[in-house]
mmCIF file of all heavy atoms, coordinates in Angstrom:
data_MODEL
# 
_entry.id   MODEL 
# 
loop_
_atom_site.group_PDB 
_atom_site.id 
_atom_site.type_symbol 
_atom_site.label_atom_id 
_atom_site.label_alt_id 
_atom_site.label_comp_id 
_atom_site.label_asym_id 
_atom_site.label_entity_id 
_atom_site.label_seq_id 
_atom_site.pdbx_PDB_ins_code 
_atom_site.Cartn_x 
_atom_site.Cartn_y 
_atom_site.Cartn_z 
_atom_site.occupancy 
_atom_site.B_iso_or_equiv 
_atom_site.pdbx_formal_charge 
_atom_site.auth_seq_id 
_atom_site.auth_comp_id 
_atom_site.auth_asym_id 
_atom_site.auth_atom_id 
_atom_site.pdbx_PDB_model_num 
ATOM 1   N N   . VAL A 1 1  ? 171.295 -116.122 -104.783 1.00 0.00 ? 1  VAL A N   1 
ATOM 2   C CA  . VAL A 1 1  ? 171.416 -117.332 -103.998 1.00 0.00 ? 1  VAL A CA  1 
ATOM 3   C C   . VAL A 1 1  ? 172.720 -117.063 -103.113 1.00 0.00 ? 1  VAL A C   1 
ATOM 4   O O   . VAL A 1 1  ? 173.763 -117.199 -103.600 1.00 0.00 ? 1  VAL A O   1 
ATOM 5   C CB  . VAL A 1 1  ? 171.578 -118.637 -104.750 1.00 0.00 ? 1  VAL A CB  1 
ATOM 6   C CG1 . VAL A 1 1  ? 171.738 -119.812 -103.827 1.00 0.00 ? 1  VAL A CG1 1 
ATOM 7   C CG2 . VAL A 1 1  ? 170.350 -118.837 -105.681 1.00 0.00 ? 1  VAL A CG2 1 
ATOM 8   N N   . PRO A 1 2  ? 172.566 -116.773 -101.848 1.00 0.00 ? 2  PRO A N   1 
ATOM 9   C CA  . PRO A 1 2  ? 173.720 -116.404 -101.022 1.00 0.00 ? 2  PRO A CA  1 
ATOM 10  C C   . PRO A 1 2  ? 174.700 -117.625 -100.921 1.00 0.00 ? 2  PRO A C   1 
ATOM 11  O O   . PRO A 1 2  ? 174.227 -118.709 -100.703 1.00 0.00 ? 2  PRO A O   1 
ATOM 12  C CB  . PRO A 1 2  ? 173.062 -116.087 -99.612  1.00 0.00 ? 2  PRO A CB  1 
ATOM 13  C CG  . PRO A 1 2  ? 171.644 -115.725 -99.936  1.00 0.00 ? 2  PRO A CG  1 
ATOM 14  C CD  . PRO A 1 2  ? 171.276 -116.578 -101.087 1.00 0.00 ? 2  PRO A CD  1 
ATOM 15  N N   . MET A 1 3  ? 175.930 -117.321 -101.043 1.00 0.00 ? 3  MET A N   1 
ATOM 16  C CA  . MET A 1 3  ? 176.939 -118.341 -100.971 1.00 0.00 ? 3  MET A CA  1 
ATOM 17  C C   . MET A 1 3  ? 177.418 -118.635 -99.508  1.00 0.00 ? 3  MET A C   1 
ATOM 18  O O   . MET A 1 3  ? 176.937 -117.867 -98.626  1.00 0.00 ? 3  MET A O   1 
ATOM 19  C CB  . MET A 1 3  ? 178.190 -117.964 -101.833 1.00 0.00 ? 3  MET A CB  1 
ATOM 20  C CG  . MET A 1 3  ? 177.895 -117.667 -103.245 1.00 0.00 ? 3  MET A CG  1 
ATOM 21  S SD  . MET A 1 3  ? 177.206 -119.175 -104.070 1.00 0.00 ? 3  MET A SD  1 
ATOM 22  C CE  . MET A 1 3  ? 178.608 -120.272 -103.954 1.00 0.00 ? 3  MET A CE  1 
ATOM 23  N N   . GLU A 1 4  ? 178.220 -119.592 -99.362  1.00 0.00 ? 4  GLU A N   1 
ATOM 24  C CA  . GLU A 1 4  ? 178.571 -120.028 -97.982  1.00 0.00 ? 4  GLU A CA  1 
ATOM 25  C C   . GLU A 1 4  ? 179.250 -118.875 -97.164  1.00 0.00 ? 4  GLU A C   1 
ATOM 26  O O   . GLU A 1 4  ? 178.875 -118.673 -95.974  1.00 0.00 ? 4  GLU A O   1 
ATOM 27  C CB  . GLU A 1 4  ? 179.593 -121.142 -98.023  1.00 0.00 ? 4  GLU A CB  1 
ATOM 28  C CG  . GLU A 1 4  ? 180.069 -121.644 -96.661  1.00 0.00 ? 4  GLU A CG  1 
ATOM 29  C CD  . GLU A 1 4  ? 181.049 -122.824 -96.797  1.00 0.00 ? 4  GLU A CD  1 
ATOM 30  O OE1 . GLU A 1 4  ? 181.248 -123.282 -97.893  1.00 0.00 ? 4  GLU A OE1 1 
ATOM 31  O OE2 . GLU A 1 4  ? 181.500 -123.213 -95.726  1.00 0.00 ? 4  GLU A OE2 1 
ATOM 32  N N   . GLU A 1 5  ? 180.081 -118.043 -97.775  1.00 0.00 ? 5  GLU A N   1 
ATOM 33  C CA  . GLU A 1 5  ? 180.713 -116.972 -97.085  1.00 0.00 ? 5  GLU A CA  1 
ATOM 34  C C   . GLU A 1 5  ? 179.751 -115.948 -96.603  1.00 0.00 ? 5  GLU A C   1 
ATOM 35  O O   . GLU A 1 5  ? 179.810 -115.419 -95.472  1.00 0.00 ? 5  GLU A O   1 
ATOM 36  C CB  . GLU A 1 5  ? 181.772 -116.278 -97.993  1.00 0.00 ? 5  GLU A CB  1 
ATOM 37  C CG  . GLU A 1 5  ? 182.661 -115.293 -97.230  1.00 0.00 ? 5  GLU A CG  1 
ATOM 38  C CD  . GLU A 1 5  ? 183.586 -116.055 -96.246  1.00 0.00 ? 5  GLU A CD  1 
ATOM 39  O OE1 . GLU A 1 5  ? 183.964 -117.196 -96.545  1.00 0.00 ? 5  GLU A OE1 1 
ATOM 40  O OE2 . GLU A 1 5  ? 183.895 -115.458 -95.230  1.00 0.00 ? 5  GLU A OE2 1 
ATOM 41  N N   . ALA A 1 6  ? 178.690 -115.712 -97.470  1.00 0.00 ? 6  ALA A N   1 
ATOM 42  C CA  . ALA A 1 6  ? 177.637 -114.682 -97.054  1.00 0.00 ? 6  ALA A CA  1 
ATOM 43  C C   . ALA A 1 6  ? 176.871 -115.288 -95.843  1.00 0.00 ? 6  ALA A C   1 
ATOM 44  O O   . ALA A 1 6  ? 176.389 -114.480 -94.919  1.00 0.00 ? 6  ALA A O   1 
ATOM 45  C CB  . ALA A 1 6  ? 176.771 -114.415 -98.236  1.00 0.00 ? 6  ALA A CB  1 
ATOM 46  N N   . ARG A 1 7  ? 176.620 -116.563 -95.874  1.00 0.00 ? 7  ARG A N   1 
ATOM 47  C CA  . ARG A 1 7  ? 175.860 -117.155 -94.768  1.00 0.00 ? 7  ARG A CA  1 
ATOM 48  C C   . ARG A 1 7  ? 176.616 -117.196 -93.460  1.00 0.00 ? 7  ARG A C   1 
ATOM 49  O O   . ARG A 1 7  ? 176.018 -117.134 -92.400  1.00 0.00 ? 7  ARG A O   1 
ATOM 50  C CB  . ARG A 1 7  ? 175.451 -118.591 -95.206  1.00 0.00 ? 7  ARG A CB  1 
ATOM 51  C CG  . ARG A 1 7  ? 174.395 -118.676 -96.370  1.00 0.00 ? 7  ARG A CG  1 
ATOM 52  C CD  . ARG A 1 7  ? 173.906 -120.104 -96.527  1.00 0.00 ? 7  ARG A CD  1 
ATOM 53  N NE  . ARG A 1 7  ? 172.929 -120.069 -97.571  1.00 0.00 ? 7  ARG A NE  1 
ATOM 54  C CZ  . ARG A 1 7  ? 171.692 -119.636 -97.420  1.00 0.00 ? 7  ARG A CZ  1 
ATOM 55  N NH1 . ARG A 1 7  ? 171.295 -119.217 -96.289  1.00 0.00 ? 7  ARG A NH1 1 
ATOM 56  N NH2 . ARG A 1 7  ? 170.802 -119.714 -98.487  1.00 0.00 ? 7  ARG A NH2 1 
ATOM 57  N N   . LYS A 1 8  ? 177.883 -117.342 -93.607  1.00 0.00 ? 8  LYS A N   1 
ATOM 58  C CA  . LYS A 1 8  ? 178.709 -117.252 -92.354  1.00 0.00 ? 8  LYS A CA  1 
ATOM 59  C C   . LYS A 1 8  ? 178.595 -115.911 -91.662  1.00 0.00 ? 8  LYS A C   1 
ATOM 60  O O   . LYS A 1 8  ? 178.514 -115.762 -90.480  1.00 0.00 ? 8  LYS A O   1 
ATOM 61  C CB  . LYS A 1 8  ? 180.193 -117.510 -92.676  1.00 0.00 ? 8  LYS A CB  1 
ATOM 62  C CG  . LYS A 1 8  ? 180.514 -118.986 -93.024  1.00 0.00 ? 8  LYS A CG  1 
ATOM 63  C CD  . LYS A 1 8  ? 181.970 -119.125 -93.333  1.00 0.00 ? 8  LYS A CD  1 
ATOM 64  C CE  . LYS A 1 8  ? 182.320 -120.554 -93.681  1.00 0.00 ? 8  LYS A CE  1 
ATOM 65  N NZ  . LYS A 1 8  ? 183.811 -120.703 -94.074  1.00 0.00 ? 8  LYS A NZ  1 
ATOM 66  N N   . LEU A 1 9  ? 178.560 -114.842 -92.593  1.00 0.00 ? 9  LEU A N   1 
ATOM 67  C CA  . LEU A 1 9  ? 178.443 -113.503 -92.007  1.00 0.00 ? 9  LEU A CA  1 
ATOM 68  C C   . LEU A 1 9  ? 177.061 -113.161 -91.505  1.00 0.00 ? 9  LEU A C   1 
ATOM 69  O O   . LEU A 1 9  ? 176.888 -112.342 -90.661  1.00 0.00 ? 9  LEU A O   1 
ATOM 70  C CB  . LEU A 1 9  ? 178.884 -112.500 -93.076  1.00 0.00 ? 9  LEU A CB  1 
ATOM 71  C CG  . LEU A 1 9  ? 180.395 -112.547 -93.520  1.00 0.00 ? 9  LEU A CG  1 
ATOM 72  C CD1 . LEU A 1 9  ? 180.668 -111.679 -94.719  1.00 0.00 ? 9  LEU A CD1 1 
ATOM 73  C CD2 . LEU A 1 9  ? 181.217 -112.243 -92.356  1.00 0.00 ? 9  LEU A CD2 1 
ATOM 74  N N   . ASN A 1 10 ? 176.051 -113.788 -92.169  1.00 0.00 ? 10 ASN A N   1 
ATOM 75  C CA  . ASN A 1 10 ? 174.640 -113.561 -91.817  1.00 0.00 ? 10 ASN A CA  1 
ATOM 76  C C   . ASN A 1 10 ? 173.883 -114.810 -91.904  1.00 0.00 ? 10 ASN A C   1 
ATOM 77  O O   . ASN A 1 10 ? 173.232 -115.105 -92.930  1.00 0.00 ? 10 ASN A O   1 
ATOM 78  C CB  . ASN A 1 10 ? 174.097 -112.446 -92.738  1.00 0.00 ? 10 ASN A CB  1 
ATOM 79  C CG  . ASN A 1 10 ? 172.637 -112.061 -92.371  1.00 0.00 ? 10 ASN A CG  1 
ATOM 80  O OD1 . ASN A 1 10 ? 172.071 -112.599 -91.391  1.00 0.00 ? 10 ASN A OD1 1 
ATOM 81  N ND2 . ASN A 1 10 ? 172.096 -111.130 -92.996  1.00 0.00 ? 10 ASN A ND2 1 
ATOM 82  N N   . PRO A 1 11 ? 173.808 -115.652 -90.848  1.00 0.00 ? 11 PRO A N   1 
ATOM 83  C CA  . PRO A 1 11 ? 173.149 -116.990 -90.946  1.00 0.00 ? 11 PRO A CA  1 
ATOM 84  C C   . PRO A 1 11 ? 171.648 -116.787 -91.192  1.00 0.00 ? 11 PRO A C   1 
ATOM 85  O O   . PRO A 1 11 ? 170.980 -117.820 -91.557  1.00 0.00 ? 11 PRO A O   1 
ATOM 86  C CB  . PRO A 1 11 ? 173.415 -117.543 -89.550  1.00 0.00 ? 11 PRO A CB  1 
ATOM 87  C CG  . PRO A 1 11 ? 174.625 -116.811 -89.058  1.00 0.00 ? 11 PRO A CG  1 
ATOM 88  C CD  . PRO A 1 11 ? 174.544 -115.511 -89.633  1.00 0.00 ? 11 PRO A CD  1 
ATOM 89  N N   . ALA A 1 12 ? 171.053 -115.597 -90.946  1.00 0.00 ? 12 ALA A N   1 
ATOM 90  C CA  . ALA A 1 12 ? 169.636 -115.486 -91.113  1.00 0.00 ? 12 ALA A CA  1 
ATOM 91  C C   . ALA A 1 12 ? 169.220 -115.296 -92.653  1.00 0.00 ? 12 ALA A C   1 
ATOM 92  O O   . ALA A 1 12 ? 168.024 -115.217 -92.955  1.00 0.00 ? 12 ALA A O   1 
ATOM 93  C CB  . ALA A 1 12 ? 169.201 -114.276 -90.353  1.00 0.00 ? 12 ALA A CB  1 
ATOM 94  N N   . LEU A 1 13 ? 170.186 -115.232 -93.562  1.00 0.00 ? 13 LEU A N   1 
ATOM 95  C CA  . LEU A 1 13 ? 169.860 -115.106 -94.956  1.00 0.00 ? 13 LEU A CA  1 
ATOM 96  C C   . LEU A 1 13 ? 168.932 -116.212 -95.431  1.00 0.00 ? 13 LEU A C   1 
ATOM 97  O O   . LEU A 1 13 ? 169.197 -117.346 -95.150  1.00 0.00 ? 13 LEU A O   1 
ATOM 98  C CB  . LEU A 1 13 ? 171.112 -114.960 -95.787  1.00 0.00 ? 13 LEU A CB  1 
ATOM 99  C CG  . LEU A 1 13 ? 171.937 -113.701 -95.723  1.00 0.00 ? 13 LEU A CG  1 
ATOM 100 C CD1 . LEU A 1 13 ? 173.252 -113.903 -96.444  1.00 0.00 ? 13 LEU A CD1 1 
ATOM 101 C CD2 . LEU A 1 13 ? 171.139 -112.583 -96.339  1.00 0.00 ? 13 LEU A CD2 1 
ATOM 102 N N   . PRO A 1 14 ? 167.937 -115.902 -96.275  1.00 0.00 ? 14 PRO A N   1 
ATOM 103 C CA  . PRO A 1 14 ? 167.170 -116.981 -96.876  1.00 0.00 ? 14 PRO A CA  1 
ATOM 104 C C   . PRO A 1 14 ? 167.936 -117.703 -97.975  1.00 0.00 ? 14 PRO A C   1 
ATOM 105 O O   . PRO A 1 14 ? 169.060 -117.241 -98.307  1.00 0.00 ? 14 PRO A O   1 
ATOM 106 C CB  . PRO A 1 14 ? 165.999 -116.120 -97.539  1.00 0.00 ? 14 PRO A CB  1 
ATOM 107 C CG  . PRO A 1 14 ? 166.546 -114.745 -97.853  1.00 0.00 ? 14 PRO A CG  1 
ATOM 108 C CD  . PRO A 1 14 ? 167.546 -114.566 -96.678  1.00 0.00 ? 14 PRO A CD  1 
ATOM 109 N N   . LYS A 1 15 ? 167.450 -118.814 -98.356  1.00 0.00 ? 15 LYS A N   1 
ATOM 110 C CA  . LYS A 1 15 ? 168.087 -119.603 -99.453  1.00 0.00 ? 15 LYS A CA  1 
ATOM 111 C C   . LYS A 1 15 ? 168.187 -118.838 -100.716 1.00 0.00 ? 15 LYS A C   1 
ATOM 112 O O   . LYS A 1 15 ? 169.143 -118.978 -101.441 1.00 0.00 ? 15 LYS A O   1 
ATOM 113 C CB  . LYS A 1 15 ? 167.416 -120.942 -99.525  1.00 0.00 ? 15 LYS A CB  1 
ATOM 114 C CG  . LYS A 1 15 ? 167.569 -121.881 -98.397  1.00 0.00 ? 15 LYS A CG  1 
ATOM 115 C CD  . LYS A 1 15 ? 166.841 -123.269 -98.664  1.00 0.00 ? 15 LYS A CD  1 
ATOM 116 C CE  . LYS A 1 15 ? 167.150 -124.163 -97.465  1.00 0.00 ? 15 LYS A CE  1 
ATOM 117 N NZ  . LYS A 1 15 ? 166.438 -125.528 -97.696  1.00 0.00 ? 15 LYS A NZ  1 
ATOM 118 N N   . VAL A 1 16 ? 167.091 -118.102 -100.957 1.00 0.00 ? 16 VAL A N   1 
ATOM 119 C CA  . VAL A 1 16 ? 167.039 -117.323 -102.247 1.00 0.00 ? 16 VAL A CA  1 
ATOM 120 C C   . VAL A 1 16 ? 166.356 -116.042 -101.946 1.00 0.00 ? 16 VAL A C   1 
ATOM 121 O O   . VAL A 1 16 ? 165.359 -115.977 -101.278 1.00 0.00 ? 16 VAL A O   1 
ATOM 122 C CB  . VAL A 1 16 ? 166.166 -118.040 -103.348 1.00 0.00 ? 16 VAL A CB  1 
ATOM 123 C CG1 . VAL A 1 16 ? 166.153 -117.229 -104.623 1.00 0.00 ? 16 VAL A CG1 1 
ATOM 124 C CG2 . VAL A 1 16 ? 166.633 -119.512 -103.655 1.00 0.00 ? 16 VAL A CG2 1 
ATOM 125 N N   . VAL A 1 17 ? 166.956 -114.971 -102.479 1.00 0.00 ? 17 VAL A N   1 
ATOM 126 C CA  . VAL A 1 17 ? 166.385 -113.696 -102.530 1.00 0.00 ? 17 VAL A CA  1 
ATOM 127 C C   . VAL A 1 17 ? 165.954 -113.277 -103.855 1.00 0.00 ? 17 VAL A C   1 
ATOM 128 O O   . VAL A 1 17 ? 166.763 -113.241 -104.844 1.00 0.00 ? 17 VAL A O   1 
ATOM 129 C CB  . VAL A 1 17 ? 167.371 -112.580 -101.976 1.00 0.00 ? 17 VAL A CB  1 
ATOM 130 C CG1 . VAL A 1 17 ? 166.739 -111.162 -101.998 1.00 0.00 ? 17 VAL A CG1 1 
ATOM 131 C CG2 . VAL A 1 17 ? 167.931 -112.948 -100.630 1.00 0.00 ? 17 VAL A CG2 1 
ATOM 132 N N   . TYR A 1 18 ? 164.619 -113.152 -104.109 1.00 0.00 ? 18 TYR A N   1 
ATOM 133 C CA  . TYR A 1 18 ? 164.151 -113.131 -105.459 1.00 0.00 ? 18 TYR A CA  1 
ATOM 134 C C   . TYR A 1 18 ? 164.290 -111.692 -105.986 1.00 0.00 ? 18 TYR A C   1 
ATOM 135 O O   . TYR A 1 18 ? 164.443 -110.718 -105.253 1.00 0.00 ? 18 TYR A O   1 
ATOM 136 C CB  . TYR A 1 18 ? 162.693 -113.486 -105.454 1.00 0.00 ? 18 TYR A CB  1 
ATOM 137 C CG  . TYR A 1 18 ? 162.436 -114.953 -105.206 1.00 0.00 ? 18 TYR A CG  1 
ATOM 138 C CD1 . TYR A 1 18 ? 162.102 -115.434 -103.993 1.00 0.00 ? 18 TYR A CD1 1 
ATOM 139 C CD2 . TYR A 1 18 ? 162.679 -115.835 -106.187 1.00 0.00 ? 18 TYR A CD2 1 
ATOM 140 C CE1 . TYR A 1 18 ? 161.892 -116.720 -103.726 1.00 0.00 ? 18 TYR A CE1 1 
ATOM 141 C CE2 . TYR A 1 18 ? 162.532 -117.223 -105.950 1.00 0.00 ? 18 TYR A CE2 1 
ATOM 142 C CZ  . TYR A 1 18 ? 162.139 -117.702 -104.690 1.00 0.00 ? 18 TYR A CZ  1 
ATOM 143 O OH  . TYR A 1 18 ? 162.044 -119.063 -104.442 1.00 0.00 ? 18 TYR A OH  1 
ATOM 144 N N   . GLY A 1 19 ? 164.429 -111.604 -107.336 1.00 0.00 ? 19 GLY A N   1 
ATOM 145 C CA  . GLY A 1 19 ? 164.718 -110.305 -107.969 1.00 0.00 ? 19 GLY A CA  1 
ATOM 146 C C   . GLY A 1 19 ? 163.749 -109.207 -107.550 1.00 0.00 ? 19 GLY A C   1 
ATOM 147 O O   . GLY A 1 19 ? 162.483 -109.487 -107.459 1.00 0.00 ? 19 GLY A O   1 
ATOM 148 N N   . GLY A 1 20 ? 164.203 -107.982 -107.419 1.00 0.00 ? 20 GLY A N   1 
ATOM 149 C CA  . GLY A 1 20 ? 163.346 -106.927 -107.026 1.00 0.00 ? 20 GLY A CA  1 
ATOM 150 C C   . GLY A 1 20 ? 164.097 -105.834 -106.379 1.00 0.00 ? 20 GLY A C   1 
ATOM 151 O O   . GLY A 1 20 ? 165.317 -105.892 -106.187 1.00 0.00 ? 20 GLY A O   1 
ATOM 152 N N   . PRO A 1 21 ? 163.442 -104.872 -105.772 1.00 0.00 ? 21 PRO A N   1 
ATOM 153 C CA  . PRO A 1 21 ? 164.086 -103.676 -105.182 1.00 0.00 ? 21 PRO A CA  1 
ATOM 154 C C   . PRO A 1 21 ? 164.874 -103.998 -103.907 1.00 0.00 ? 21 PRO A C   1 
ATOM 155 O O   . PRO A 1 21 ? 165.754 -103.186 -103.513 1.00 0.00 ? 21 PRO A O   1 
ATOM 156 C CB  . PRO A 1 21 ? 162.979 -102.737 -104.869 1.00 0.00 ? 21 PRO A CB  1 
ATOM 157 C CG  . PRO A 1 21 ? 161.708 -103.554 -104.787 1.00 0.00 ? 21 PRO A CG  1 
ATOM 158 C CD  . PRO A 1 21 ? 161.923 -104.679 -105.820 1.00 0.00 ? 21 PRO A CD  1 
ATOM 159 N N   . GLU A 1 22 ? 164.653 -105.095 -103.282 1.00 0.00 ? 22 GLU A N   1 
ATOM 160 C CA  . GLU A 1 22 ? 165.336 -105.473 -101.964 1.00 0.00 ? 22 GLU A CA  1 
ATOM 161 C C   . GLU A 1 22 ? 166.424 -106.458 -102.279 1.00 0.00 ? 22 GLU A C   1 
ATOM 162 O O   . GLU A 1 22 ? 167.106 -106.896 -101.330 1.00 0.00 ? 22 GLU A O   1 
ATOM 163 C CB  . GLU A 1 22 ? 164.373 -105.997 -100.960 1.00 0.00 ? 22 GLU A CB  1 
ATOM 164 C CG  . GLU A 1 22 ? 163.376 -104.988 -100.511 1.00 0.00 ? 22 GLU A CG  1 
ATOM 165 C CD  . GLU A 1 22 ? 162.394 -105.464 -99.420  1.00 0.00 ? 22 GLU A CD  1 
ATOM 166 O OE1 . GLU A 1 22 ? 162.628 -106.614 -98.981  1.00 0.00 ? 22 GLU A OE1 1 
ATOM 167 O OE2 . GLU A 1 22 ? 161.506 -104.759 -98.982  1.00 0.00 ? 22 GLU A OE2 1 
ATOM 168 N N   . ASN A 1 23 ? 166.679 -106.795 -103.510 1.00 0.00 ? 23 ASN A N   1 
ATOM 169 C CA  . ASN A 1 23 ? 167.634 -107.780 -103.854 1.00 0.00 ? 23 ASN A CA  1 
ATOM 170 C C   . ASN A 1 23 ? 169.055 -107.068 -103.990 1.00 0.00 ? 23 ASN A C   1 
ATOM 171 O O   . ASN A 1 23 ? 169.217 -106.070 -104.712 1.00 0.00 ? 23 ASN A O   1 
ATOM 172 C CB  . ASN A 1 23 ? 167.360 -108.438 -105.180 1.00 0.00 ? 23 ASN A CB  1 
ATOM 173 C CG  . ASN A 1 23 ? 168.266 -109.615 -105.527 1.00 0.00 ? 23 ASN A CG  1 
ATOM 174 O OD1 . ASN A 1 23 ? 169.462 -109.484 -105.540 1.00 0.00 ? 23 ASN A OD1 1 
ATOM 175 N ND2 . ASN A 1 23 ? 167.649 -110.793 -105.719 1.00 0.00 ? 23 ASN A ND2 1 
ATOM 176 N N   . PRO A 1 24 ? 170.135 -107.661 -103.304 1.00 0.00 ? 24 PRO A N   1 
ATOM 177 C CA  . PRO A 1 24 ? 171.457 -107.012 -103.360 1.00 0.00 ? 24 PRO A CA  1 
ATOM 178 C C   . PRO A 1 24 ? 172.083 -106.939 -104.761 1.00 0.00 ? 24 PRO A C   1 
ATOM 179 O O   . PRO A 1 24 ? 172.947 -106.101 -105.019 1.00 0.00 ? 24 PRO A O   1 
ATOM 180 C CB  . PRO A 1 24 ? 172.307 -107.849 -102.408 1.00 0.00 ? 24 PRO A CB  1 
ATOM 181 C CG  . PRO A 1 24 ? 171.274 -108.505 -101.562 1.00 0.00 ? 24 PRO A CG  1 
ATOM 182 C CD  . PRO A 1 24 ? 170.075 -108.697 -102.355 1.00 0.00 ? 24 PRO A CD  1 
ATOM 183 N N   . LEU A 1 25 ? 171.570 -107.768 -105.736 1.00 0.00 ? 25 LEU A N   1 
ATOM 184 C CA  . LEU A 1 25 ? 172.148 -107.690 -107.105 1.00 0.00 ? 25 LEU A CA  1 
ATOM 185 C C   . LEU A 1 25 ? 171.563 -106.628 -107.920 1.00 0.00 ? 25 LEU A C   1 
ATOM 186 O O   . LEU A 1 25 ? 172.053 -106.347 -109.033 1.00 0.00 ? 25 LEU A O   1 
ATOM 187 C CB  . LEU A 1 25 ? 171.907 -109.069 -107.789 1.00 0.00 ? 25 LEU A CB  1 
ATOM 188 C CG  . LEU A 1 25 ? 172.569 -110.248 -107.104 1.00 0.00 ? 25 LEU A CG  1 
ATOM 189 C CD1 . LEU A 1 25 ? 172.431 -111.509 -108.049 1.00 0.00 ? 25 LEU A CD1 1 
ATOM 190 C CD2 . LEU A 1 25 ? 174.047 -110.056 -106.830 1.00 0.00 ? 25 LEU A CD2 1 
ATOM 191 N N   . GLY A 1 26 ? 170.487 -105.981 -107.462 1.00 0.00 ? 26 GLY A N   1 
ATOM 192 C CA  . GLY A 1 26 ? 169.965 -104.796 -108.201 1.00 0.00 ? 26 GLY A CA  1 
ATOM 193 C C   . GLY A 1 26 ? 169.288 -105.154 -109.468 1.00 0.00 ? 26 GLY A C   1 
ATOM 194 O O   . GLY A 1 26 ? 168.705 -106.274 -109.640 1.00 0.00 ? 26 GLY A O   1 
ATOM 195 N N   . ALA A 1 27 ? 169.408 -104.219 -110.434 1.00 0.00 ? 27 ALA A N   1 
ATOM 196 C CA  . ALA A 1 27 ? 168.653 -104.318 -111.666 1.00 0.00 ? 27 ALA A CA  1 
ATOM 197 C C   . ALA A 1 27 ? 169.189 -105.315 -112.760 1.00 0.00 ? 27 ALA A C   1 
ATOM 198 O O   . ALA A 1 27 ? 168.457 -105.834 -113.551 1.00 0.00 ? 27 ALA A O   1 
ATOM 199 C CB  . ALA A 1 27 ? 168.514 -102.937 -112.317 1.00 0.00 ? 27 ALA A CB  1 
ATOM 200 N N   . ARG A 1 28 ? 170.476 -105.588 -112.704 1.00 0.00 ? 28 ARG A N   1 
ATOM 201 C CA  . ARG A 1 28 ? 171.092 -106.434 -113.667 1.00 0.00 ? 28 ARG A CA  1 
ATOM 202 C C   . ARG A 1 28 ? 172.248 -107.154 -113.038 1.00 0.00 ? 28 ARG A C   1 
ATOM 203 O O   . ARG A 1 28 ? 172.888 -106.682 -112.076 1.00 0.00 ? 28 ARG A O   1 
ATOM 204 C CB  . ARG A 1 28 ? 171.606 -105.704 -114.943 1.00 0.00 ? 28 ARG A CB  1 
ATOM 205 C CG  . ARG A 1 28 ? 170.581 -104.866 -115.668 1.00 0.00 ? 28 ARG A CG  1 
ATOM 206 C CD  . ARG A 1 28 ? 169.598 -105.712 -116.400 1.00 0.00 ? 28 ARG A CD  1 
ATOM 207 N NE  . ARG A 1 28 ? 168.779 -104.908 -117.376 1.00 0.00 ? 28 ARG A NE  1 
ATOM 208 C CZ  . ARG A 1 28 ? 167.630 -104.343 -116.985 1.00 0.00 ? 28 ARG A CZ  1 
ATOM 209 N NH1 . ARG A 1 28 ? 167.155 -104.525 -115.725 1.00 0.00 ? 28 ARG A NH1 1 
ATOM 210 N NH2 . ARG A 1 28 ? 166.960 -103.644 -117.870 1.00 0.00 ? 28 ARG A NH2 1 
ATOM 211 N N   . ALA A 1 29 ? 172.609 -108.281 -113.691 1.00 0.00 ? 29 ALA A N   1 
ATOM 212 C CA  . ALA A 1 29 ? 173.821 -109.010 -113.202 1.00 0.00 ? 29 ALA A CA  1 
ATOM 213 C C   . ALA A 1 29 ? 174.477 -109.630 -114.430 1.00 0.00 ? 29 ALA A C   1 
ATOM 214 O O   . ALA A 1 29 ? 173.910 -110.185 -115.329 1.00 0.00 ? 29 ALA A O   1 
ATOM 215 C CB  . ALA A 1 29 ? 173.499 -110.067 -112.183 1.00 0.00 ? 29 ALA A CB  1 
ATOM 216 N N   . LEU A 1 30 ? 175.833 -109.553 -114.453 1.00 0.00 ? 30 LEU A N   1 
ATOM 217 C CA  . LEU A 1 30 ? 176.682 -110.182 -115.397 1.00 0.00 ? 30 LEU A CA  1 
ATOM 218 C C   . LEU A 1 30 ? 177.560 -111.159 -114.644 1.00 0.00 ? 30 LEU A C   1 
ATOM 219 O O   . LEU A 1 30 ? 178.232 -110.768 -113.735 1.00 0.00 ? 30 LEU A O   1 
ATOM 220 C CB  . LEU A 1 30 ? 177.562 -109.130 -116.137 1.00 0.00 ? 30 LEU A CB  1 
ATOM 221 C CG  . LEU A 1 30 ? 176.904 -107.972 -116.822 1.00 0.00 ? 30 LEU A CG  1 
ATOM 222 C CD1 . LEU A 1 30 ? 177.870 -106.910 -117.287 1.00 0.00 ? 30 LEU A CD1 1 
ATOM 223 C CD2 . LEU A 1 30 ? 176.030 -108.430 -118.015 1.00 0.00 ? 30 LEU A CD2 1 
ATOM 224 N N   . TYR A 1 31 ? 177.615 -112.432 -115.142 1.00 0.00 ? 31 TYR A N   1 
ATOM 225 C CA  . TYR A 1 31 ? 178.187 -113.535 -114.400 1.00 0.00 ? 31 TYR A CA  1 
ATOM 226 C C   . TYR A 1 31 ? 179.586 -113.866 -114.987 1.00 0.00 ? 31 TYR A C   1 
ATOM 227 O O   . TYR A 1 31 ? 179.617 -114.143 -116.213 1.00 0.00 ? 31 TYR A O   1 
ATOM 228 C CB  . TYR A 1 31 ? 177.248 -114.808 -114.452 1.00 0.00 ? 31 TYR A CB  1 
ATOM 229 C CG  . TYR A 1 31 ? 175.939 -114.484 -113.729 1.00 0.00 ? 31 TYR A CG  1 
ATOM 230 C CD1 . TYR A 1 31 ? 174.976 -113.726 -114.279 1.00 0.00 ? 31 TYR A CD1 1 
ATOM 231 C CD2 . TYR A 1 31 ? 175.740 -115.030 -112.446 1.00 0.00 ? 31 TYR A CD2 1 
ATOM 232 C CE1 . TYR A 1 31 ? 173.767 -113.496 -113.635 1.00 0.00 ? 31 TYR A CE1 1 
ATOM 233 C CE2 . TYR A 1 31 ? 174.536 -114.773 -111.847 1.00 0.00 ? 31 TYR A CE2 1 
ATOM 234 C CZ  . TYR A 1 31 ? 173.556 -114.037 -112.361 1.00 0.00 ? 31 TYR A CZ  1 
ATOM 235 O OH  . TYR A 1 31 ? 172.355 -113.796 -111.745 1.00 0.00 ? 31 TYR A OH  1 
# 
């Protein structure tokens, strides 16, 4: 889920990028 700062840099970002090969978070995430 792109945060505000990411949206400022790229307003065309979707609200959610679903998990998969095109997701910037890749295969795993630790929060």
